[in-house]
Amino acid sequence: AGFTLPGVDVDRYTVKYNSGLELVEHLRAMGETNALFQRNPILKKDTALATAAIYQSMFGLEDGTVPATFQVIYMTGWKEHPSQQKAKRRGSATLSFSDLQKQFGSSQN
């Protein structure tokens, strides 16, 4: 797309649901269920209950909740402009990451 200085960040969120059916309800509200073009739009109650029970048995926690982890991906980039900061040549750094960590300390305590 012609973007320069692209960046990608990922945030992960784990949400606990009271049941697998509650998780499916949330996925539907987000529009994240079935994106197939020729899908069957009707999910039978027996199928939904069986699927929820299997999911609960496989991934359910001791407190009875069902965890689900969502990844939110952020992508940024800029269209090139003469005033824009230019990326440095690969390998041109004069300070290593370990030196930076020694100087400023670790933020991952």
PDB file of N, CA and C in Angstrom:
ATOM      1  N   ALA A   1       0.824  -1.198   0.000  1.00  0.00           N
ATOM      2  CA  ALA A   1       0.000   0.000   0.000  1.00  0.00           C
ATOM      3  C   ALA A   1       0.863   1.253   0.000  1.00  0.00           C
ATOM      4  N   GLY A   2       2.171   1.089   0.028  1.00  0.00           N
ATOM      5  CA  GLY A   2       3.049   2.242  -0.030  1.00  0.00           C
ATOM      6  C   GLY A   2       3.263   2.944   1.292  1.00  0.00           C
ATOM      7  N   PHE A   3       2.904   2.304   2.394  1.00  0.00           N
ATOM      8  CA  PHE A   3       3.119   2.924   3.702  1.00  0.00           C
ATOM      9  C   PHE A   3       4.571   2.787   4.117  1.00  0.00           C
ATOM     10  N   THR A   4       5.051   3.766   4.879  1.00  0.00           N
ATOM     11  CA  THR A   4       6.400   3.689   5.428  1.00  0.00           C
ATOM     12  C   THR A   4       6.314   3.669   6.945  1.00  0.00           C
ATOM     13  N   LEU A   5       7.387   3.239   7.585  1.00  0.00           N
ATOM     14  CA  LEU A   5       7.451   3.095   9.034  1.00  0.00           C
ATOM     15  C   LEU A   5       6.215   2.376   9.597  1.00  0.00           C
ATOM     16  N   PRO A   6       5.897   1.181   9.057  1.00  0.00           N
ATOM     17  CA  PRO A   6       4.721   0.470   9.565  1.00  0.00           C
ATOM     18  C   PRO A   6       4.959  -0.043  10.980  1.00  0.00           C
ATOM     19  N   GLY A   7       3.888  -0.181  11.717  1.00  0.00           N
ATOM     20  CA  GLY A   7       3.962  -0.723  13.072  1.00  0.00           C
ATOM     21  C   GLY A   7       2.770  -1.618  13.335  1.00  0.00           C
ATOM     22  N   VAL A   8       2.998  -2.672  14.108  1.00  0.00           N
ATOM     23  CA  VAL A   8       1.925  -3.592  14.470  1.00  0.00           C
ATOM     24  C   VAL A   8       2.013  -3.843  15.969  1.00  0.00           C
ATOM     25  N   ASP A   9       0.890  -3.686  16.653  1.00  0.00           N
ATOM     26  CA  ASP A   9       0.798  -3.988  18.077  1.00  0.00           C
ATOM     27  C   ASP A   9      -0.334  -4.971  18.294  1.00  0.00           C
ATOM     28  N   VAL A  10      -0.181  -5.833  19.288  1.00  0.00           N
ATOM     29  CA  VAL A  10      -1.217  -6.818  19.600  1.00  0.00           C
ATOM     30  C   VAL A  10      -1.500  -6.744  21.096  1.00  0.00           C
ATOM     31  N   ASP A  11      -2.762  -6.587  21.432  1.00  0.00           N
ATOM     32  CA  ASP A  11      -3.205  -6.677  22.824  1.00  0.00           C
ATOM     33  C   ASP A  11      -4.004  -7.959  22.961  1.00  0.00           C
ATOM     34  N   ARG A  12      -3.781  -8.684  24.051  1.00  0.00           N
ATOM     35  CA  ARG A  12      -4.525  -9.915  24.308  1.00  0.00           C
ATOM     36  C   ARG A  12      -5.381  -9.711  25.551  1.00  0.00           C
ATOM     37  N   TYR A  13      -6.638 -10.086  25.415  1.00  0.00           N
ATOM     38  CA  TYR A  13      -7.582  -9.973  26.524  1.00  0.00           C
ATOM     39  C   TYR A  13      -8.190 -11.336  26.778  1.00  0.00           C
ATOM     40  N   THR A  14      -8.178 -11.789  28.023  1.00  0.00           N
ATOM     41  CA  THR A  14      -8.835 -13.034  28.384  1.00  0.00           C
ATOM     42  C   THR A  14     -10.084 -12.685  29.176  1.00  0.00           C
ATOM     43  N   VAL A  15     -11.208 -13.188  28.698  1.00  0.00           N
ATOM     44  CA  VAL A  15     -12.506 -12.909  29.303  1.00  0.00           C
ATOM     45  C   VAL A  15     -13.076 -14.231  29.797  1.00  0.00           C
ATOM     46  N   LYS A  16     -13.643 -14.220  30.996  1.00  0.00           N
ATOM     47  CA  LYS A  16     -14.275 -15.431  31.533  1.00  0.00           C
ATOM     48  C   LYS A  16     -15.786 -15.325  31.345  1.00  0.00           C
ATOM     49  N   TYR A  17     -16.373 -16.407  30.832  1.00  0.00           N
ATOM     50  CA  TYR A  17     -17.813 -16.473  30.614  1.00  0.00           C
ATOM     51  C   TYR A  17     -18.412 -17.510  31.552  1.00  0.00           C
ATOM     52  N   ASN A  18     -19.666 -17.312  31.890  1.00  0.00           N
ATOM     53  CA  ASN A  18     -20.344 -18.265  32.772  1.00  0.00           C
ATOM     54  C   ASN A  18     -20.628 -19.585  32.076  1.00  0.00           C
ATOM     55  N   SER A  19     -20.684 -19.577  30.742  1.00  0.00           N
ATOM     56  CA  SER A  19     -20.948 -20.809  29.989  1.00  0.00           C
ATOM     57  C   SER A  19     -20.469 -20.635  28.559  1.00  0.00           C
ATOM     58  N   GLY A  20     -20.378 -21.755  27.859  1.00  0.00           N
ATOM     59  CA  GLY A  20     -20.023 -21.715  26.449  1.00  0.00           C
ATOM     60  C   GLY A  20     -21.076 -21.002  25.621  1.00  0.00           C
ATOM     61  N   LEU A  21     -22.340 -21.119  26.017  1.00  0.00           N
ATOM     62  CA  LEU A  21     -23.413 -20.431  25.296  1.00  0.00           C
ATOM     63  C   LEU A  21     -23.276 -18.912  25.420  1.00  0.00           C
ATOM     64  N   GLU A  22     -22.857 -18.443  26.594  1.00  0.00           N
ATOM     65  CA  GLU A  22     -22.632 -17.009  26.784  1.00  0.00           C
ATOM     66  C   GLU A  22     -21.494 -16.518  25.891  1.00  0.00           C
ATOM     67  N   LEU A  23     -20.462 -17.340  25.734  1.00  0.00           N
ATOM     68  CA  LEU A  23     -19.358 -17.007  24.834  1.00  0.00           C
ATOM     69  C   LEU A  23     -19.858 -16.884  23.400  1.00  0.00           C
ATOM     70  N   VAL A  24     -20.656 -17.855  22.946  1.00  0.00           N
ATOM     71  CA  VAL A  24     -21.194 -17.809  21.585  1.00  0.00           C
ATOM     72  C   VAL A  24     -22.062 -16.569  21.393  1.00  0.00           C
ATOM     73  N   GLU A  25     -22.850 -16.220  22.386  1.00  0.00           N
ATOM     74  CA  GLU A  25     -23.690 -15.019  22.312  1.00  0.00           C
ATOM     75  C   GLU A  25     -22.830 -13.767  22.129  1.00  0.00           C
ATOM     76  N   HIS A  26     -21.737 -13.704  22.861  1.00  0.00           N
ATOM     77  CA  HIS A  26     -20.821 -12.563  22.744  1.00  0.00           C
ATOM     78  C   HIS A  26     -20.160 -12.536  21.367  1.00  0.00           C
ATOM     79  N   LEU A  27     -19.742 -13.692  20.868  1.00  0.00           N
ATOM     80  CA  LEU A  27     -19.140 -13.766  19.535  1.00  0.00           C
ATOM     81  C   LEU A  27     -20.135 -13.312  18.463  1.00  0.00           C
ATOM     82  N   ARG A  28     -21.375 -13.720  18.604  1.00  0.00           N
ATOM     83  CA  ARG A  28     -22.404 -13.289  17.645  1.00  0.00           C
ATOM     84  C   ARG A  28     -22.591 -11.780  17.690  1.00  0.00           C
ATOM     85  N   ALA A  29     -22.603 -11.204  18.887  1.00  0.00           N
ATOM     86  CA  ALA A  29     -22.779  -9.756  19.028  1.00  0.00           C
ATOM     87  C   ALA A  29     -21.619  -8.998  18.381  1.00  0.00           C
ATOM     88  N   MET A  30     -20.436  -9.626  18.358  1.00  0.00           N
ATOM     89  CA  MET A  30     -19.266  -9.005  17.727  1.00  0.00           C
ATOM     90  C   MET A  30     -19.199  -9.308  16.234  1.00  0.00           C
ATOM     91  N   GLY A  31     -20.106 -10.129  15.726  1.00  0.00           N
ATOM     92  CA  GLY A  31     -20.067 -10.515  14.320  1.00  0.00           C
ATOM     93  C   GLY A  31     -18.949 -11.489  14.012  1.00  0.00           C
ATOM     94  N   GLU A  32     -18.561 -12.308  14.990  1.00  0.00           N
ATOM     95  CA  GLU A  32     -17.408 -13.203  14.854  1.00  0.00           C
ATOM     96  C   GLU A  32     -17.795 -14.674  14.833  1.00  0.00           C
ATOM     97  N   THR A  33     -18.967 -15.004  14.320  1.00  0.00           N
ATOM     98  CA  THR A  33     -19.347 -16.413  14.349  1.00  0.00           C
ATOM     99  C   THR A  33     -18.941 -17.133  13.075  1.00  0.00           C
ATOM    100  N   ASN A  34     -19.723 -17.081  12.038  1.00  0.00           N
ATOM    101  CA  ASN A  34     -19.439 -17.875  10.851  1.00  0.00           C
ATOM    102  C   ASN A  34     -19.422 -16.977   9.624  1.00  0.00           C
ATOM    103  N   ALA A  35     -18.269 -16.850   8.996  1.00  0.00           N
ATOM    104  CA  ALA A  35     -18.126 -15.972   7.839  1.00  0.00           C
ATOM    105  C   ALA A  35     -18.207 -16.728   6.516  1.00  0.00           C
ATOM    106  N   LEU A  36     -18.571 -17.989   6.554  1.00  0.00           N
ATOM    107  CA  LEU A  36     -18.668 -18.763   5.318  1.00  0.00           C
ATOM    108  C   LEU A  36     -19.799 -18.229   4.444  1.00  0.00           C
ATOM    109  N   PHE A  37     -19.575 -18.213   3.149  1.00  0.00           N
ATOM    110  CA  PHE A  37     -20.569 -17.692   2.215  1.00  0.00           C
ATOM    111  C   PHE A  37     -21.806 -18.587   2.157  1.00  0.00           C
ATOM    112  N   GLN A  38     -21.615 -19.895   2.069  1.00  0.00           N
ATOM    113  CA  GLN A  38     -22.740 -20.816   1.945  1.00  0.00           C
ATOM    114  C   GLN A  38     -22.955 -21.573   3.250  1.00  0.00           C
ATOM    115  N   ARG A  39     -23.178 -20.851   4.305  1.00  0.00           N
ATOM    116  CA  ARG A  39     -23.365 -21.478   5.609  1.00  0.00           C
ATOM    117  C   ARG A  39     -24.847 -21.689   5.883  1.00  0.00           C
ATOM    118  N   ASN A  40     -25.123 -22.565   6.799  1.00  0.00           N
ATOM    119  CA  ASN A  40     -26.495 -22.781   7.245  1.00  0.00           C
ATOM    120  C   ASN A  40     -26.762 -21.760   8.349  1.00  0.00           C
ATOM    121  N   PRO A  41     -27.685 -20.817   8.137  1.00  0.00           N
ATOM    122  CA  PRO A  41     -27.899 -19.758   9.126  1.00  0.00           C
ATOM    123  C   PRO A  41     -28.617 -20.229  10.387  1.00  0.00           C
ATOM    124  N   ILE A  42     -29.098 -21.467  10.390  1.00  0.00           N
ATOM    125  CA  ILE A  42     -29.849 -21.962  11.545  1.00  0.00           C
ATOM    126  C   ILE A  42     -28.977 -22.920  12.346  1.00  0.00           C
ATOM    127  N   LEU A  43     -28.763 -22.606  13.606  1.00  0.00           N
ATOM    128  CA  LEU A  43     -28.032 -23.491  14.510  1.00  0.00           C
ATOM    129  C   LEU A  43     -29.068 -24.146  15.415  1.00  0.00           C
ATOM    130  N   LYS A  44     -29.183 -25.453  15.320  1.00  0.00           N
ATOM    131  CA  LYS A  44     -30.186 -26.161  16.104  1.00  0.00           C
ATOM    132  C   LYS A  44     -29.809 -26.126  17.585  1.00  0.00           C
ATOM    133  N   LYS A  45     -30.830 -26.068  18.429  1.00  0.00           N
ATOM    134  CA  LYS A  45     -30.636 -25.968  19.877  1.00  0.00           C
ATOM    135  C   LYS A  45     -29.808 -27.139  20.413  1.00  0.00           C
ATOM    136  N   ASP A  46     -30.098 -28.354  19.963  1.00  0.00           N
ATOM    137  CA  ASP A  46     -29.355 -29.535  20.425  1.00  0.00           C
ATOM    138  C   ASP A  46     -27.873 -29.433  20.071  1.00  0.00           C
ATOM    139  N   THR A  47     -27.587 -28.941  18.856  1.00  0.00           N
ATOM    140  CA  THR A  47     -26.200 -28.781  18.423  1.00  0.00           C
ATOM    141  C   THR A  47     -25.487 -27.751  19.281  1.00  0.00           C
ATOM    142  N   ALA A  48     -26.150 -26.621  19.562  1.00  0.00           N
ATOM    143  CA  ALA A  48     -25.560 -25.561  20.378  1.00  0.00           C
ATOM    144  C   ALA A  48     -25.286 -26.052  21.797  1.00  0.00           C
ATOM    145  N   LEU A  49     -26.231 -26.776  22.373  1.00  0.00           N
ATOM    146  CA  LEU A  49     -26.051 -27.280  23.744  1.00  0.00           C
ATOM    147  C   LEU A  49     -24.933 -28.316  23.813  1.00  0.00           C
ATOM    148  N   ALA A  50     -24.863 -29.208  22.827  1.00  0.00           N
ATOM    149  CA  ALA A  50     -23.801 -30.220  22.809  1.00  0.00           C
ATOM    150  C   ALA A  50     -22.436 -29.569  22.640  1.00  0.00           C
ATOM    151  N   THR A  51     -22.357 -28.597  21.739  1.00  0.00           N
ATOM    152  CA  THR A  51     -21.095 -27.896  21.518  1.00  0.00           C
ATOM    153  C   THR A  51     -20.647 -27.167  22.784  1.00  0.00           C
ATOM    154  N   ALA A  52     -21.586 -26.489  23.454  1.00  0.00           N
ATOM    155  CA  ALA A  52     -21.262 -25.767  24.689  1.00  0.00           C
ATOM    156  C   ALA A  52     -20.779 -26.727  25.778  1.00  0.00           C
ATOM    157  N   ALA A  53     -21.404 -27.889  25.874  1.00  0.00           N
ATOM    158  CA  ALA A  53     -21.005 -28.873  26.888  1.00  0.00           C
ATOM    159  C   ALA A  53     -19.604 -29.412  26.611  1.00  0.00           C
ATOM    160  N   ILE A  54     -19.315 -29.705  25.352  1.00  0.00           N
ATOM    161  CA  ILE A  54     -17.979 -30.201  24.995  1.00  0.00           C
ATOM    162  C   ILE A  54     -16.923 -29.122  25.260  1.00  0.00           C
ATOM    163  N   TYR A  55     -17.214 -27.902  24.859  1.00  0.00           N
ATOM    164  CA  TYR A  55     -16.274 -26.796  25.079  1.00  0.00           C
ATOM    165  C   TYR A  55     -16.020 -26.597  26.578  1.00  0.00           C
ATOM    166  N   GLN A  56     -17.103 -26.661  27.373  1.00  0.00           N
ATOM    167  CA  GLN A  56     -16.989 -26.515  28.830  1.00  0.00           C
ATOM    168  C   GLN A  56     -16.108 -27.615  29.410  1.00  0.00           C
ATOM    169  N   SER A  57     -16.281 -28.860  28.930  1.00  0.00           N
ATOM    170  CA  SER A  57     -15.495 -29.966  29.473  1.00  0.00           C
ATOM    171  C   SER A  57     -14.023 -29.866  29.061  1.00  0.00           C
ATOM    172  N   MET A  58     -13.769 -29.326  27.879  1.00  0.00           N
ATOM    173  CA  MET A  58     -12.386 -29.239  27.396  1.00  0.00           C
ATOM    174  C   MET A  58     -11.637 -28.023  27.959  1.00  0.00           C
ATOM    175  N   PHE A  59     -12.320 -26.875  28.087  1.00  0.00           N
ATOM    176  CA  PHE A  59     -11.631 -25.636  28.430  1.00  0.00           C
ATOM    177  C   PHE A  59     -12.131 -24.969  29.700  1.00  0.00           C
ATOM    178  N   GLY A  60     -13.178 -25.517  30.316  1.00  0.00           N
ATOM    179  CA  GLY A  60     -13.744 -24.901  31.508  1.00  0.00           C
ATOM    180  C   GLY A  60     -12.767 -24.915  32.683  1.00  0.00           C
ATOM    181  N   LEU A  61     -12.867 -23.891  33.513  1.00  0.00           N
ATOM    182  CA  LEU A  61     -12.021 -23.776  34.703  1.00  0.00           C
ATOM    183  C   LEU A  61     -12.722 -24.396  35.903  1.00  0.00           C
ATOM    184  N   GLU A  62     -11.970 -24.571  36.988  1.00  0.00           N
ATOM    185  CA  GLU A  62     -12.522 -25.198  38.189  1.00  0.00           C
ATOM    186  C   GLU A  62     -13.683 -24.411  38.785  1.00  0.00           C
ATOM    187  N   ASP A  63     -13.677 -23.075  38.585  1.00  0.00           N
ATOM    188  CA  ASP A  63     -14.758 -22.262  39.143  1.00  0.00           C
ATOM    189  C   ASP A  63     -16.015 -22.281  38.260  1.00  0.00           C
ATOM    190  N   GLY A  64     -15.994 -23.085  37.181  1.00  0.00           N
ATOM    191  CA  GLY A  64     -17.161 -23.227  36.319  1.00  0.00           C
ATOM    192  C   GLY A  64     -17.203 -22.264  35.153  1.00  0.00           C
ATOM    193  N   THR A  65     -16.278 -21.323  35.102  1.00  0.00           N
ATOM    194  CA  THR A  65     -16.268 -20.361  33.999  1.00  0.00           C
ATOM    195  C   THR A  65     -15.523 -20.919  32.795  1.00  0.00           C
ATOM    196  N   VAL A  66     -15.750 -20.275  31.647  1.00  0.00           N
ATOM    197  CA  VAL A  66     -15.097 -20.667  30.402  1.00  0.00           C
ATOM    198  C   VAL A  66     -14.281 -19.472  29.916  1.00  0.00           C
ATOM    199  N   PRO A  67     -12.945 -19.611  29.846  1.00  0.00           N
ATOM    200  CA  PRO A  67     -12.137 -18.484  29.386  1.00  0.00           C
ATOM    201  C   PRO A  67     -12.059 -18.438  27.856  1.00  0.00           C
ATOM    202  N   ALA A  68     -11.950 -17.230  27.352  1.00  0.00           N
ATOM    203  CA  ALA A  68     -11.717 -17.028  25.916  1.00  0.00           C
ATOM    204  C   ALA A  68     -10.721 -15.884  25.782  1.00  0.00           C
ATOM    205  N   THR A  69      -9.726 -16.076  24.941  1.00  0.00           N
ATOM    206  CA  THR A  69      -8.718 -15.044  24.727  1.00  0.00           C
ATOM    207  C   THR A  69      -8.935 -14.406  23.367  1.00  0.00           C
ATOM    208  N   PHE A  70      -8.992 -13.079  23.369  1.00  0.00           N
ATOM    209  CA  PHE A  70      -9.177 -12.304  22.147  1.00  0.00           C
ATOM    210  C   PHE A  70      -7.916 -11.515  21.866  1.00  0.00           C
ATOM    211  N   GLN A  71      -7.532 -11.437  20.617  1.00  0.00           N
ATOM    212  CA  GLN A  71      -6.397 -10.622  20.208  1.00  0.00           C
ATOM    213  C   GLN A  71      -6.920  -9.440  19.414  1.00  0.00           C
ATOM    214  N   VAL A  72      -6.509  -8.245  19.831  1.00  0.00           N
ATOM    215  CA  VAL A  72      -6.840  -7.029  19.098  1.00  0.00           C
ATOM    216  C   VAL A  72      -5.554  -6.569  18.434  1.00  0.00           C
ATOM    217  N   ILE A  73      -5.576  -6.479  17.113  1.00  0.00           N
ATOM    218  CA  ILE A  73      -4.378  -6.138  16.347  1.00  0.00           C
ATOM    219  C   ILE A  73      -4.515  -4.721  15.809  1.00  0.00           C
ATOM    220  N   TYR A  74      -3.503  -3.893  16.093  1.00  0.00           N
ATOM    221  CA  TYR A  74      -3.468  -2.513  15.621  1.00  0.00           C
ATOM    222  C   TYR A  74      -2.346  -2.402  14.593  1.00  0.00           C
ATOM    223  N   MET A  75      -2.666  -1.887  13.431  1.00  0.00           N
ATOM    224  CA  MET A  75      -1.658  -1.697  12.390  1.00  0.00           C
ATOM    225  C   MET A  75      -1.642  -0.216  12.007  1.00  0.00           C
ATOM    226  N   THR A  76      -0.443   0.359  11.987  1.00  0.00           N
ATOM    227  CA  THR A  76      -0.311   1.763  11.619  1.00  0.00           C
ATOM    228  C   THR A  76       0.758   1.915  10.552  1.00  0.00           C
ATOM    229  N   GLY A  77       0.637   2.962   9.792  1.00  0.00           N
ATOM    230  CA  GLY A  77       1.619   3.286   8.769  1.00  0.00           C
ATOM    231  C   GLY A  77       1.333   4.681   8.255  1.00  0.00           C
ATOM    232  N   TRP A  78       2.298   5.274   7.584  1.00  0.00           N
ATOM    233  CA  TRP A  78       2.140   6.635   7.092  1.00  0.00           C
ATOM    234  C   TRP A  78       2.499   6.672   5.614  1.00  0.00           C
ATOM    235  N   LYS A  79       1.818   7.520   4.896  1.00  0.00           N
ATOM    236  CA  LYS A  79       2.173   7.739   3.502  1.00  0.00           C
ATOM    237  C   LYS A  79       3.417   8.615   3.505  1.00  0.00           C
ATOM    238  N   GLU A  80       4.368   8.267   2.679  1.00  0.00           N
ATOM    239  CA  GLU A  80       5.655   8.962   2.676  1.00  0.00           C
ATOM    240  C   GLU A  80       5.483  10.457   2.373  1.00  0.00           C
ATOM    241  N   HIS A  81       6.241  11.249   3.099  1.00  0.00           N
ATOM    242  CA  HIS A  81       6.246  12.702   2.923  1.00  0.00           C
ATOM    243  C   HIS A  81       7.680  13.169   3.137  1.00  0.00           C
ATOM    244  N   PRO A  82       8.130  14.192   2.421  1.00  0.00           N
ATOM    245  CA  PRO A  82       9.527  14.641   2.566  1.00  0.00           C
ATOM    246  C   PRO A  82       9.919  15.017   3.994  1.00  0.00           C
ATOM    247  N   SER A  83       8.962  15.474   4.807  1.00  0.00           N
ATOM    248  CA  SER A  83       9.296  15.877   6.177  1.00  0.00           C
ATOM    249  C   SER A  83       9.278  14.707   7.158  1.00  0.00           C
ATOM    250  N   GLN A  84       8.898  13.536   6.682  1.00  0.00           N
ATOM    251  CA  GLN A  84       8.773  12.381   7.561  1.00  0.00           C
ATOM    252  C   GLN A  84      10.135  11.831   7.968  1.00  0.00           C
ATOM    253  N   GLN A  85      10.194  11.353   9.204  1.00  0.00           N
ATOM    254  CA  GLN A  85      11.394  10.696   9.709  1.00  0.00           C
ATOM    255  C   GLN A  85      11.728   9.507   8.817  1.00  0.00           C
ATOM    256  N   LYS A  86      12.989   9.316   8.535  1.00  0.00           N
ATOM    257  CA  LYS A  86      13.432   8.199   7.700  1.00  0.00           C
ATOM    258  C   LYS A  86      13.979   7.090   8.593  1.00  0.00           C
ATOM    259  N   ALA A  87      13.706   5.858   8.205  1.00  0.00           N
ATOM    260  CA  ALA A  87      14.223   4.716   8.961  1.00  0.00           C
ATOM    261  C   ALA A  87      15.734   4.644   8.793  1.00  0.00           C
ATOM    262  N   LYS A  88      16.420   4.277   9.864  1.00  0.00           N
ATOM    263  CA  LYS A  88      17.869   4.114   9.809  1.00  0.00           C
ATOM    264  C   LYS A  88      18.223   2.833   9.063  1.00  0.00           C
ATOM    265  N   ARG A  89      19.428   2.813   8.518  1.00  0.00           N
ATOM    266  CA  ARG A  89      19.929   1.637   7.825  1.00  0.00           C
ATOM    267  C   ARG A  89      20.067   0.493   8.822  1.00  0.00           C
ATOM    268  N   ARG A  90      19.654  -0.699   8.419  1.00  0.00           N
ATOM    269  CA  ARG A  90      19.727  -1.872   9.295  1.00  0.00           C
ATOM    270  C   ARG A  90      21.176  -2.094   9.725  1.00  0.00           C
ATOM    271  N   GLY A  91      21.369  -2.304  11.043  1.00  0.00           N
ATOM    272  CA  GLY A  91      22.699  -2.547  11.579  1.00  0.00           C
ATOM    273  C   GLY A  91      23.465  -1.278  11.908  1.00  0.00           C
ATOM    274  N   SER A  92      22.808  -0.128  11.843  1.00  0.00           N
ATOM    275  CA  SER A  92      23.508   1.138  12.085  1.00  0.00           C
ATOM    276  C   SER A  92      23.462   1.583  13.545  1.00  0.00           C
ATOM    277  N   ALA A  93      22.852   0.799  14.417  1.00  0.00           N
ATOM    278  CA  ALA A  93      22.734   1.186  15.828  1.00  0.00           C
ATOM    279  C   ALA A  93      24.106   1.276  16.482  1.00  0.00           C
ATOM    280  N   THR A  94      24.239   2.223  17.387  1.00  0.00           N
ATOM    281  CA  THR A  94      25.503   2.390  18.107  1.00  0.00           C
ATOM    282  C   THR A  94      25.382   1.936  19.556  1.00  0.00           C
ATOM    283  N   LEU A  95      24.199   1.489  19.964  1.00  0.00           N
ATOM    284  CA  LEU A  95      23.943   1.050  21.326  1.00  0.00           C
ATOM    285  C   LEU A  95      23.114  -0.228  21.258  1.00  0.00           C
ATOM    286  N   SER A  96      23.475  -1.220  22.044  1.00  0.00           N
ATOM    287  CA  SER A  96      22.730  -2.480  22.026  1.00  0.00           C
ATOM    288  C   SER A  96      21.545  -2.402  22.985  1.00  0.00           C
ATOM    289  N   PHE A  97      20.591  -3.303  22.800  1.00  0.00           N
ATOM    290  CA  PHE A  97      19.445  -3.353  23.700  1.00  0.00           C
ATOM    291  C   PHE A  97      19.873  -3.696  25.120  1.00  0.00           C
ATOM    292  N   SER A  98      20.876  -4.541  25.273  1.00  0.00           N
ATOM    293  CA  SER A  98      21.327  -4.881  26.622  1.00  0.00           C
ATOM    294  C   SER A  98      21.951  -3.666  27.302  1.00  0.00           C
ATOM    295  N   ASP A  99      22.656  -2.815  26.542  1.00  0.00           N
ATOM    296  CA  ASP A  99      23.190  -1.575  27.116  1.00  0.00           C
ATOM    297  C   ASP A  99      22.060  -0.637  27.529  1.00  0.00           C
ATOM    298  N   LEU A 100      21.020  -0.561  26.724  1.00  0.00           N
ATOM    299  CA  LEU A 100      19.863   0.271  27.070  1.00  0.00           C
ATOM    300  C   LEU A 100      19.191  -0.239  28.333  1.00  0.00           C
ATOM    301  N   GLN A 101      19.077  -1.554  28.444  1.00  0.00           N
ATOM    302  CA  GLN A 101      18.454  -2.135  29.624  1.00  0.00           C
ATOM    303  C   GLN A 101      19.273  -1.830  30.872  1.00  0.00           C
ATOM    304  N   LYS A 102      20.596  -1.903  30.760  1.00  0.00           N
ATOM    305  CA  LYS A 102      21.457  -1.574  31.900  1.00  0.00           C
ATOM    306  C   LYS A 102      21.300  -0.110  32.300  1.00  0.00           C
ATOM    307  N   GLN A 103      21.186   0.753  31.305  1.00  0.00           N
ATOM    308  CA  GLN A 103      21.106   2.189  31.565  1.00  0.00           C
ATOM    309  C   GLN A 103      19.746   2.591  32.133  1.00  0.00           C
ATOM    310  N   PHE A 104      18.661   2.052  31.591  1.00  0.00           N
ATOM    311  CA  PHE A 104      17.332   2.492  31.983  1.00  0.00           C
ATOM    312  C   PHE A 104      16.563   1.473  32.815  1.00  0.00           C
ATOM    313  N   GLY A 105      17.076   0.270  32.948  1.00  0.00           N
ATOM    314  CA  GLY A 105      16.393  -0.760  33.714  1.00  0.00           C
ATOM    315  C   GLY A 105      15.332  -1.459  32.898  1.00  0.00           C
ATOM    316  N   SER A 106      14.888  -2.571  33.389  1.00  0.00           N
ATOM    317  CA  SER A 106      13.883  -3.361  32.688  1.00  0.00           C
ATOM    318  C   SER A 106      12.501  -2.902  33.075  1.00  0.00           C
ATOM    319  N   SER A 107      11.606  -2.777  32.091  1.00  0.00           N
ATOM    320  CA  SER A 107      10.210  -2.417  32.381  1.00  0.00           C
ATOM    321  C   SER A 107       9.362  -3.668  32.589  1.00  0.00           C
ATOM    322  N   GLN A 108       9.959  -4.850  32.502  1.00  0.00           N
ATOM    323  CA  GLN A 108       9.215  -6.103  32.639  1.00  0.00           C
ATOM    324  C   GLN A 108       9.558  -6.794  33.952  1.00  0.00           C
ATOM    325  N   ASN A 109       9.163  -6.196  35.045  1.00  0.00           N
ATOM    326  CA  ASN A 109       9.428  -6.767  36.365  1.00  0.00           C
ATOM    327  C   ASN A 109       8.268  -7.561  36.853  1.00  0.00           C
TER     328      ASN A 109
END
